[in-house]
Each structure stands twice: as structure tokens, then as C-alpha cells.
């Protein structure tokens, strides 16, 4: 997976990721996540953004820096399963 796509969390190897403390990012955006991963984890070649709006607990934005190994047992989702845009971004 070398392009932007929606993936299922099931099958991800979370032991290979570094998660950003999003409260310290300048904004909840793809650009902030890219800057974080490039600046703090240049050894990681991929980034994951998880964003969802949960009615009871509010929005949740996560930024994870990853390597290709993270996706070894992962499944890509059809575009229709990826229905939320990242905040401050045109990307889903």
C-alpha cells in the first residue's frame, strides 16, 4: 500500500507504530501528522490517520507513524467504507 487508502484496523501490527500525542500537534490535520512523522520518526515510511466522530465521546483523531510491516496482515477497504474526511483536509 503505497498510496492513500482506507484500511481496516483489524490485522494491523500496532507493535510497529509510533503514535503521536495529538494534543501537542498544531492542528488535527494530515499536514500536522506528516510533519510529526517526518520530524520525530524519519525511519518510518508510512503514516496512518484514524478519524471518527463518536456521538457520545466526540471526535477522535489519531496520528500513527508506521512501516510497511504494519500492514502485512491488513485488508484494504472499498472507498465507500471510508466516509470521513480528515479534519482540515480534503483527504478521506
Protein backbone atom coordinates (compact mmCIF):
# COMPACT_ATOMS: atom_id res chain seq x y z
CA UNK A 1 0.00 0.00 0.00
CA UNK A 2 1.95 2.98 -1.24
CA UNK A 3 -0.94 5.34 -1.91
CA UNK A 4 -3.63 6.84 0.26
CA UNK A 5 -6.34 4.34 1.00
CA UNK A 6 -8.75 3.24 3.68
CA UNK A 7 -7.78 0.16 5.64
CA UNK A 8 -9.31 -1.88 8.43
CA UNK A 9 -7.67 -1.67 11.85
CA UNK A 10 -8.03 -5.42 12.19
CA UNK A 11 -4.75 -7.04 11.22
CA UNK A 12 -2.54 -4.02 11.87
CA UNK A 13 0.61 -4.73 13.84
CA UNK A 14 0.44 -1.97 16.44
CA UNK A 15 3.79 -3.03 17.93
CA UNK A 16 5.47 -1.44 14.89
CA UNK A 17 3.85 2.02 15.11
CA UNK A 18 4.66 5.21 16.97
CA UNK A 19 1.58 7.20 17.95
CA UNK A 20 1.61 10.99 18.19
CA UNK A 21 0.26 12.79 21.21
CA UNK A 22 -2.32 14.70 19.18
CA UNK A 23 -2.84 17.24 21.96
CA UNK A 24 0.67 18.52 21.11
CA UNK A 25 0.12 18.79 17.34
CA UNK A 26 -0.59 22.29 15.99
CA UNK A 27 -3.83 21.00 14.45
CA UNK A 28 -5.69 17.76 13.87
CA UNK A 29 -4.73 17.54 10.22
CA UNK A 30 -2.90 15.39 7.71
CA UNK A 31 -0.19 18.07 7.39
CA UNK A 32 0.47 18.05 11.15
CA UNK A 33 0.67 14.25 11.14
CA UNK A 34 3.10 14.26 8.19
CA UNK A 35 5.28 16.87 9.90
CA UNK A 36 5.26 14.90 13.14
CA UNK A 37 6.24 11.61 11.50
CA UNK A 38 8.95 13.16 9.30
CA UNK A 39 10.40 15.12 12.22
CA UNK A 40 10.21 12.55 15.01
CA UNK A 41 10.27 9.20 13.21
CA UNK A 42 12.14 9.60 9.91
CA UNK A 43 12.76 5.83 9.93
CA UNK A 44 9.03 5.22 9.39
CA UNK A 45 7.89 5.21 5.76
CA UNK A 46 4.08 5.36 6.21
CA UNK A 47 1.55 7.24 8.28
CA UNK A 48 -1.91 6.32 9.43
CA UNK A 49 -4.64 8.71 10.35
CA UNK A 50 -7.68 7.47 12.17
CA UNK A 51 -10.57 9.88 12.47
CA UNK A 52 -14.11 9.22 13.56
CA UNK A 53 -16.95 11.08 15.16
CA UNK A 54 -18.49 9.22 18.07
CA UNK A 55 -21.74 10.84 19.19
CA UNK A 56 -21.23 10.22 22.91
CA UNK A 57 -17.50 10.94 23.29
CA UNK A 58 -16.87 13.40 20.45
CA UNK A 59 -14.33 13.41 17.66
CA UNK A 60 -11.26 11.20 17.84
CA UNK A 61 -8.17 11.94 15.73
CA UNK A 62 -5.12 9.67 15.80
CA UNK A 63 -1.79 10.02 14.00
CA UNK A 64 0.48 6.97 13.75
CA UNK A 65 3.87 6.62 12.07
CA UNK A 66 4.39 3.15 10.61
CA UNK A 67 6.46 0.89 8.37
CA UNK A 68 5.27 -1.45 5.65
CA UNK A 69 5.46 -4.36 8.16
CA UNK A 70 2.49 -2.81 9.98
CA UNK A 71 0.22 -3.77 7.08
CA UNK A 72 1.41 -7.35 6.49
CA UNK A 73 -1.92 -8.91 7.58
CA UNK A 74 -4.18 -5.98 6.80
CA UNK A 75 -7.15 -5.59 4.47
CA UNK A 76 -7.89 -2.59 2.26
CA UNK A 77 -11.46 -1.29 2.45
CA UNK A 78 -13.51 -0.18 -0.54
CA UNK A 79 -13.80 3.61 -0.81
CA UNK A 80 -17.38 3.53 0.44
CA UNK A 81 -16.19 2.28 3.85
CA UNK A 82 -14.04 5.37 4.22
CA UNK A 83 -16.61 8.11 4.56
CA UNK A 84 -14.97 10.72 6.81
CA UNK A 85 -12.54 13.36 5.66
CA UNK A 86 -9.58 14.12 7.84
CA UNK A 87 -10.11 17.40 9.70
CA UNK A 88 -8.63 20.41 7.90
CA UNK A 89 -8.03 18.30 4.79
CA UNK A 90 -9.63 17.18 1.54
CA UNK A 91 -8.48 13.58 2.10
CA UNK A 92 -10.55 10.69 3.41
